Amino acid sequence: MRLVLTARLLLLLLLVHQWCFGWGFGAHRLVNRQAVELLDSPLGEYFSRHINYLSEHAVDPDLWRRDKETYPGEAPGHFIDADLFEAYPFRSIPRKWEEAVRKYGENNLKGWGTAPWRIEKFYKKLVSNFRDGDWTEARQTAAALAHYVSDIHVPFHTVENYNGQLTGNKGVHKRWEADMVEQYLLDAARPEGPLERVADPVEKAFVIVEESFPGLEPILKAETRARQTIPPESRDIIADWDKSMQGTEYIRILYKETGDLAIARMKASSVRIASYWQAAWVEAGRPSPPSR
């Protein structure tokens, strides 16, 4: 069964555009790799031996998201349109799933996004993997947990206006998080510690959402200016995600005006990923990893 699923995921990897989801495949792999390098513990030593696995499998949840037959209901775990729940800074959104369901209804939650609770689910699963000594499963769980944590560092994954579709900026999502990042930022400076305390995985996720949300406004302002470099009759290309815009003045302006923001969010992604991993290992009792 595992071989069949692996083959299916590999096929999807060939078919799915890397830019469809948070950060693009290249950046997801990078932030996972850098997260491993931030760990200074026996867990870090073990993850370092499997750094290629943790990097390559950073994109698994995006492949699951495309395979709706095998992974139904995957998509809402990648985002939370927090402004549909409450006004910024979103502190009145219930942190417990059952309370959120009572307040908003499960159908609304599925439509508006469930990322903080998906993070909680995979965090708890990782704690269990560590406690049970299932280190092979722990690697897969850790890679997936990292993906969800990383996604909510992208401003577009925290807002209703996730693609600029409400403000005349349609298509900006892919252009910013994939085209711009792939062209300019995969060689960005490495993140530095220290790791952060994760006392409650859901509460920590909402801290990240509160940080990410304000990033939308400067990106939209930059995109509005960048859009002017394209003749009106040709602007449909921006929302045509089958076409790359790397190398264009449009992408250069996005980078010039918001590149520092993207670098900061990517660095924060790595720190938070490592923090979640370390917290899960500590909660599990700091079990000794295998030697290989």
Protein backbone atom coordinates (compact mmCIF):
# COMPACT_ATOMS: atom_id res chain seq x y z
CA MET A 1 0.00 0.00 0.00
CA ARG A 2 2.83 2.39 0.89
CA LEU A 3 4.50 1.72 -2.47
CA VAL A 4 1.27 2.46 -4.32
CA LEU A 5 0.77 5.74 -2.46
CA THR A 6 4.40 6.73 -3.01
CA ALA A 7 4.07 6.14 -6.74
CA ARG A 8 0.87 8.14 -6.77
CA LEU A 9 2.50 11.06 -4.98
CA LEU A 10 5.43 10.99 -7.38
CA LEU A 11 3.03 11.14 -10.29
CA LEU A 12 1.29 14.11 -8.71
CA LEU A 13 4.63 15.79 -8.21
CA LEU A 14 5.15 15.66 -11.94
CA LEU A 15 1.68 17.03 -12.66
CA VAL A 16 1.20 19.75 -10.05
CA HIS A 17 2.60 23.22 -10.62
CA GLN A 18 4.97 24.08 -7.78
CA TRP A 19 3.49 27.53 -7.37
CA CYS A 20 -0.04 26.52 -6.50
CA PHE A 21 0.42 26.69 -2.75
CA GLY A 22 2.25 28.50 0.06
CA TRP A 23 5.83 29.52 -0.77
CA GLY A 24 6.20 27.20 -3.77
CA PHE A 25 8.01 23.87 -3.53
CA GLY A 26 11.53 25.33 -3.51
CA ALA A 27 10.90 27.58 -0.51
CA HIS A 28 9.03 24.92 1.47
CA ARG A 29 12.03 22.63 1.08
CA LEU A 30 14.44 25.41 2.02
CA VAL A 31 12.68 26.47 5.23
CA ASN A 32 12.50 22.84 6.40
CA ARG A 33 16.21 22.36 5.74
CA GLN A 34 17.06 25.54 7.61
CA ALA A 35 14.77 24.52 10.48
CA VAL A 36 16.77 21.33 10.95
CA GLU A 37 19.96 23.37 11.15
CA LEU A 38 18.49 25.44 14.01
CA LEU A 39 18.03 22.42 16.28
CA ASP A 40 20.75 22.02 18.93
CA SER A 41 19.72 18.80 20.63
CA PRO A 42 19.79 15.03 20.11
CA LEU A 43 16.66 15.56 18.00
CA GLY A 44 18.65 17.95 15.82
CA GLU A 45 21.40 15.38 15.38
CA TYR A 46 18.85 12.78 14.28
CA PHE A 47 16.99 15.14 11.96
CA SER A 48 20.33 16.23 10.46
CA ARG A 49 20.92 12.65 9.36
CA HIS A 50 17.54 12.76 7.62
CA ILE A 51 17.63 16.36 6.44
CA ASN A 52 17.10 15.40 2.80
CA TYR A 53 13.94 13.47 3.68
CA LEU A 54 12.56 16.33 5.80
CA SER A 55 13.29 18.78 2.99
CA GLU A 56 11.88 16.73 0.12
CA HIS A 57 8.73 15.76 2.02
CA ALA A 58 8.01 19.37 2.99
CA VAL A 59 5.70 19.49 -0.04
CA ASP A 60 3.68 16.34 0.74
CA PRO A 61 0.60 18.22 2.06
CA ASP A 62 0.36 20.13 -1.23
CA LEU A 63 0.31 16.82 -3.08
CA TRP A 64 -2.32 15.50 -0.68
CA ARG A 65 -4.35 18.61 -1.33
CA ARG A 66 -4.48 17.83 -5.03
CA ASP A 67 -5.43 14.18 -4.46
CA LYS A 68 -8.98 14.78 -3.26
CA GLU A 69 -9.93 11.11 -3.56
CA THR A 70 -7.30 9.87 -1.13
CA TYR A 71 -7.14 12.98 1.06
CA PRO A 72 -10.60 14.54 1.17
CA GLY A 73 -10.85 17.67 3.25
CA GLU A 74 -7.12 18.46 3.07
CA ALA A 75 -7.37 21.99 1.62
CA PRO A 76 -8.75 23.91 4.66
CA GLY A 77 -5.73 22.90 6.75
CA HIS A 78 -3.45 25.10 4.67
CA PHE A 79 -5.03 28.47 5.50
CA ILE A 80 -7.32 30.46 7.75
CA ASP A 81 -9.22 33.45 6.40
CA ALA A 82 -9.05 35.00 9.84
CA ASP A 83 -10.86 38.21 8.87
CA LEU A 84 -13.96 36.16 8.10
CA PHE A 85 -14.00 34.96 11.71
CA GLU A 86 -13.37 38.21 13.59
CA ALA A 87 -11.69 41.59 13.26
CA TYR A 88 -7.91 41.84 13.52
CA PRO A 89 -6.04 40.88 15.73
CA PHE A 90 -8.42 37.88 15.99
CA ARG A 91 -8.00 37.31 19.72
CA SER A 92 -11.66 36.49 20.27
CA ILE A 93 -11.54 33.45 17.96
CA PRO A 94 -11.88 30.40 20.24
CA ARG A 95 -8.71 28.38 20.37
CA LYS A 96 -10.43 25.09 21.20
CA TRP A 97 -11.89 23.34 18.17
CA GLU A 98 -15.16 22.41 19.84
CA GLU A 99 -15.75 26.00 20.94
CA ALA A 100 -14.94 27.31 17.46
CA VAL A 101 -17.43 24.85 15.96
CA ARG A 102 -20.12 26.00 18.38
CA LYS A 103 -19.46 29.66 17.58
CA TYR A 104 -19.09 29.52 13.78
CA GLY A 105 -20.40 26.14 12.61
CA GLU A 106 -18.29 23.36 11.13
CA ASN A 107 -19.23 24.20 7.52
CA ASN A 108 -17.99 27.77 7.95
CA LEU A 109 -14.78 26.53 9.51
CA LYS A 110 -14.15 24.24 6.56
CA GLY A 111 -14.76 27.12 4.16
CA TRP A 112 -12.78 29.73 6.08
CA GLY A 113 -9.80 27.51 6.88
CA THR A 114 -8.61 25.37 9.78
CA ALA A 115 -4.82 25.75 9.74
CA PRO A 116 -4.29 26.32 13.51
CA TRP A 117 -6.18 23.14 14.34
CA ARG A 118 -4.43 21.15 11.60
CA ILE A 119 -1.16 22.25 13.18
CA GLU A 120 -2.45 21.07 16.56
CA LYS A 121 -3.41 17.68 15.10
CA PHE A 122 0.00 17.06 13.57
CA TYR A 123 1.81 18.42 16.62
CA LYS A 124 0.00 15.93 18.85
CA LYS A 125 0.67 13.18 16.33
CA LEU A 126 4.37 14.02 16.41
CA VAL A 127 4.40 13.86 20.22
CA SER A 128 2.81 10.40 19.98
CA ASN A 129 5.32 9.27 17.35
CA PHE A 130 8.20 10.29 19.60
CA ARG A 131 6.67 8.62 22.68
CA ASP A 132 6.00 5.42 20.76
CA GLY A 133 9.51 5.34 19.34
CA ASP A 134 8.14 5.40 15.79
CA TRP A 135 10.91 7.51 14.32
CA THR A 136 10.17 6.66 10.70
CA GLU A 137 6.61 7.93 11.08
CA ALA A 138 7.91 10.90 13.08
CA ARG A 139 9.93 12.09 10.11
CA GLN A 140 6.86 12.15 7.88
CA THR A 141 4.72 13.80 10.56
CA ALA A 142 7.40 16.43 11.24
CA ALA A 143 7.72 17.29 7.54
CA ALA A 144 3.95 17.72 7.20
CA LEU A 145 3.63 19.73 10.42
CA ALA A 146 6.33 22.04 9.09
CA HIS A 147 4.34 22.63 5.92
CA TYR A 148 1.24 23.82 7.75
CA VAL A 149 3.29 26.03 10.08
CA SER A 150 5.11 27.53 7.12
CA ASP A 151 1.92 28.19 5.16
CA ILE A 152 0.48 30.57 7.75
CA HIS A 153 3.64 32.69 7.60
CA VAL A 154 2.43 33.72 4.12
CA PRO A 155 0.05 36.70 4.43
CA PHE A 156 -2.22 35.34 1.69
CA HIS A 157 -2.92 32.26 3.80
CA THR A 158 -4.48 34.36 6.57
CA VAL A 159 -6.97 36.56 4.67
CA GLU A 160 -10.18 36.40 2.67
CA ASN A 161 -8.50 38.43 -0.11
CA TYR A 162 -6.10 35.53 -0.66
CA ASN A 163 -5.36 36.31 -4.31
CA GLY A 164 -6.01 40.05 -4.48
CA GLN A 165 -9.34 39.17 -6.07
CA LEU A 166 -11.24 41.71 -3.95
CA THR A 167 -8.98 44.70 -4.65
CA GLY A 168 -8.07 44.55 -8.34
CA ASN A 169 -4.85 42.60 -7.67
CA LYS A 170 -5.97 39.21 -8.96
CA GLY A 171 -3.04 36.85 -9.45
CA VAL A 172 -0.71 38.40 -6.88
CA HIS A 173 -0.66 35.28 -4.66
CA LYS A 174 1.42 33.14 -6.97
CA ARG A 175 3.50 36.02 -8.25
CA TRP A 176 4.63 37.01 -4.77
CA GLU A 177 5.08 33.72 -2.94
CA ALA A 178 6.46 31.70 -5.85
CA ASP A 179 7.71 33.75 -8.83
CA MET A 180 9.36 36.44 -6.69
CA VAL A 181 10.68 34.03 -4.08
CA GLU A 182 12.01 31.56 -6.65
CA GLN A 183 13.78 34.32 -8.59
CA TYR A 184 15.29 36.32 -5.76
CA LEU A 185 15.07 34.74 -2.33
CA LEU A 186 16.13 31.10 -2.29
CA ASP A 187 19.65 32.30 -1.46
CA ALA A 188 18.42 34.63 1.30
CA ALA A 189 20.34 34.89 4.57
CA ARG A 190 19.94 32.00 6.98
CA PRO A 191 17.65 32.35 9.99
CA GLU A 192 19.06 32.50 13.50
CA GLY A 193 17.63 31.34 16.82
CA PRO A 194 16.75 31.22 19.55
CA LEU A 195 13.86 28.81 19.30
CA GLU A 196 10.55 29.89 20.76
CA ARG A 197 8.40 28.32 23.44
CA VAL A 198 5.33 26.45 22.18
CA ALA A 199 3.14 26.01 25.22
CA ASP A 200 -0.04 25.63 23.15
CA PRO A 201 0.23 24.72 19.45
CA VAL A 202 -3.04 26.47 18.52
CA GLU A 203 -2.26 29.66 20.44
CA LYS A 204 1.18 29.79 18.84
CA ALA A 205 -0.42 29.39 15.41
CA PHE A 206 -2.66 32.38 16.07
CA VAL A 207 0.38 34.42 17.09
CA ILE A 208 1.81 33.64 13.65
CA VAL A 209 -1.48 34.55 11.93
CA GLU A 210 -1.58 37.87 13.79
CA GLU A 211 1.95 38.60 12.54
CA SER A 212 1.28 37.55 8.95
CA PHE A 213 -2.02 39.34 8.34
CA PRO A 214 -0.69 42.95 8.19
CA GLY A 215 1.74 41.93 5.46
CA LEU A 216 -1.06 41.86 2.91
CA GLU A 217 -1.44 45.64 2.63
CA PRO A 218 2.14 46.48 1.56
CA ILE A 219 2.12 43.59 -0.89
CA LEU A 220 -1.08 44.84 -2.53
CA LYS A 221 0.32 48.39 -2.75
CA ALA A 222 3.48 47.10 -4.40
CA GLU A 223 1.48 44.91 -6.77
CA THR A 224 -0.70 47.85 -7.81
CA ARG A 225 2.44 49.75 -8.80
CA ALA A 226 4.00 46.70 -10.46
CA ARG A 227 0.80 46.13 -12.44
CA GLN A 228 1.27 49.49 -14.16
CA THR A 229 4.35 48.14 -15.96
CA ILE A 230 2.13 45.84 -18.00
CA PRO A 231 -0.08 47.24 -20.79
CA PRO A 232 -3.78 47.01 -19.83
CA GLU A 233 -4.53 44.64 -22.69
CA SER A 234 -1.86 42.21 -21.44
CA ARG A 235 -2.62 42.20 -17.70
CA ASP A 236 -4.53 38.94 -17.87
CA ILE A 237 -1.14 37.24 -17.72
CA ILE A 238 -0.87 38.13 -14.03
CA ALA A 239 -3.70 35.78 -13.12
CA ASP A 240 -2.66 33.15 -15.68
CA TRP A 241 -0.78 30.81 -13.37
CA ASP A 242 0.36 28.62 -16.25
CA LYS A 243 2.78 31.38 -17.29
CA SER A 244 5.85 32.47 -15.39
CA MET A 245 6.60 36.15 -14.91
CA GLN A 246 10.11 35.68 -13.57
CA GLY A 247 12.54 38.18 -15.06
CA THR A 248 9.90 40.87 -15.59
CA GLU A 249 9.83 44.42 -14.24
CA TYR A 250 6.64 43.44 -12.45
CA ILE A 251 8.47 40.85 -10.32
CA ARG A 252 11.42 43.21 -9.80
CA ILE A 253 9.13 45.83 -8.28
CA LEU A 254 7.49 43.28 -6.00
CA TYR A 255 10.93 42.24 -4.81
CA LYS A 256 12.24 45.78 -4.39
CA GLU A 257 9.26 46.84 -2.28
CA THR A 258 8.41 43.67 -0.37
CA GLY A 259 11.44 41.39 -0.60
CA ASP A 260 12.47 42.20 2.97
CA LEU A 261 9.01 41.19 4.16
CA ALA A 262 9.25 37.85 2.37
CA ILE A 263 12.71 37.18 3.78
CA ALA A 264 11.47 37.94 7.29
CA ARG A 265 8.50 35.58 6.89
CA MET A 266 10.70 32.80 5.53
CA LYS A 267 13.20 33.17 8.38
CA ALA A 268 10.37 33.15 10.90
CA SER A 269 8.99 30.00 9.25
CA SER A 270 12.19 28.10 9.92
CA VAL A 271 12.41 29.27 13.54
CA ARG A 272 8.80 28.34 14.25
CA ILE A 273 9.08 24.95 12.54
CA ALA A 274 12.12 24.08 14.63
CA SER A 275 10.32 25.36 17.73
CA TYR A 276 7.30 23.10 17.13
CA TRP A 277 9.54 20.09 16.49
CA GLN A 278 11.60 20.71 19.62
CA ALA A 279 8.51 21.33 21.78
CA ALA A 280 6.93 18.05 20.62
CA TRP A 281 10.13 16.14 21.43
CA VAL A 282 10.35 17.74 24.89
CA GLU A 283 6.65 17.03 25.59
CA ALA A 284 7.26 13.41 24.64
CA GLY A 285 9.91 13.18 27.35
CA ARG A 286 13.04 13.84 25.26
CA PRO A 287 13.30 10.25 23.98
CA SER A 288 16.69 9.17 22.63
CA PRO A 289 16.62 8.98 18.83
CA PRO A 290 18.01 5.94 17.04
CA SER A 291 21.59 6.04 15.87
CA ARG A 292 20.66 5.97 12.21
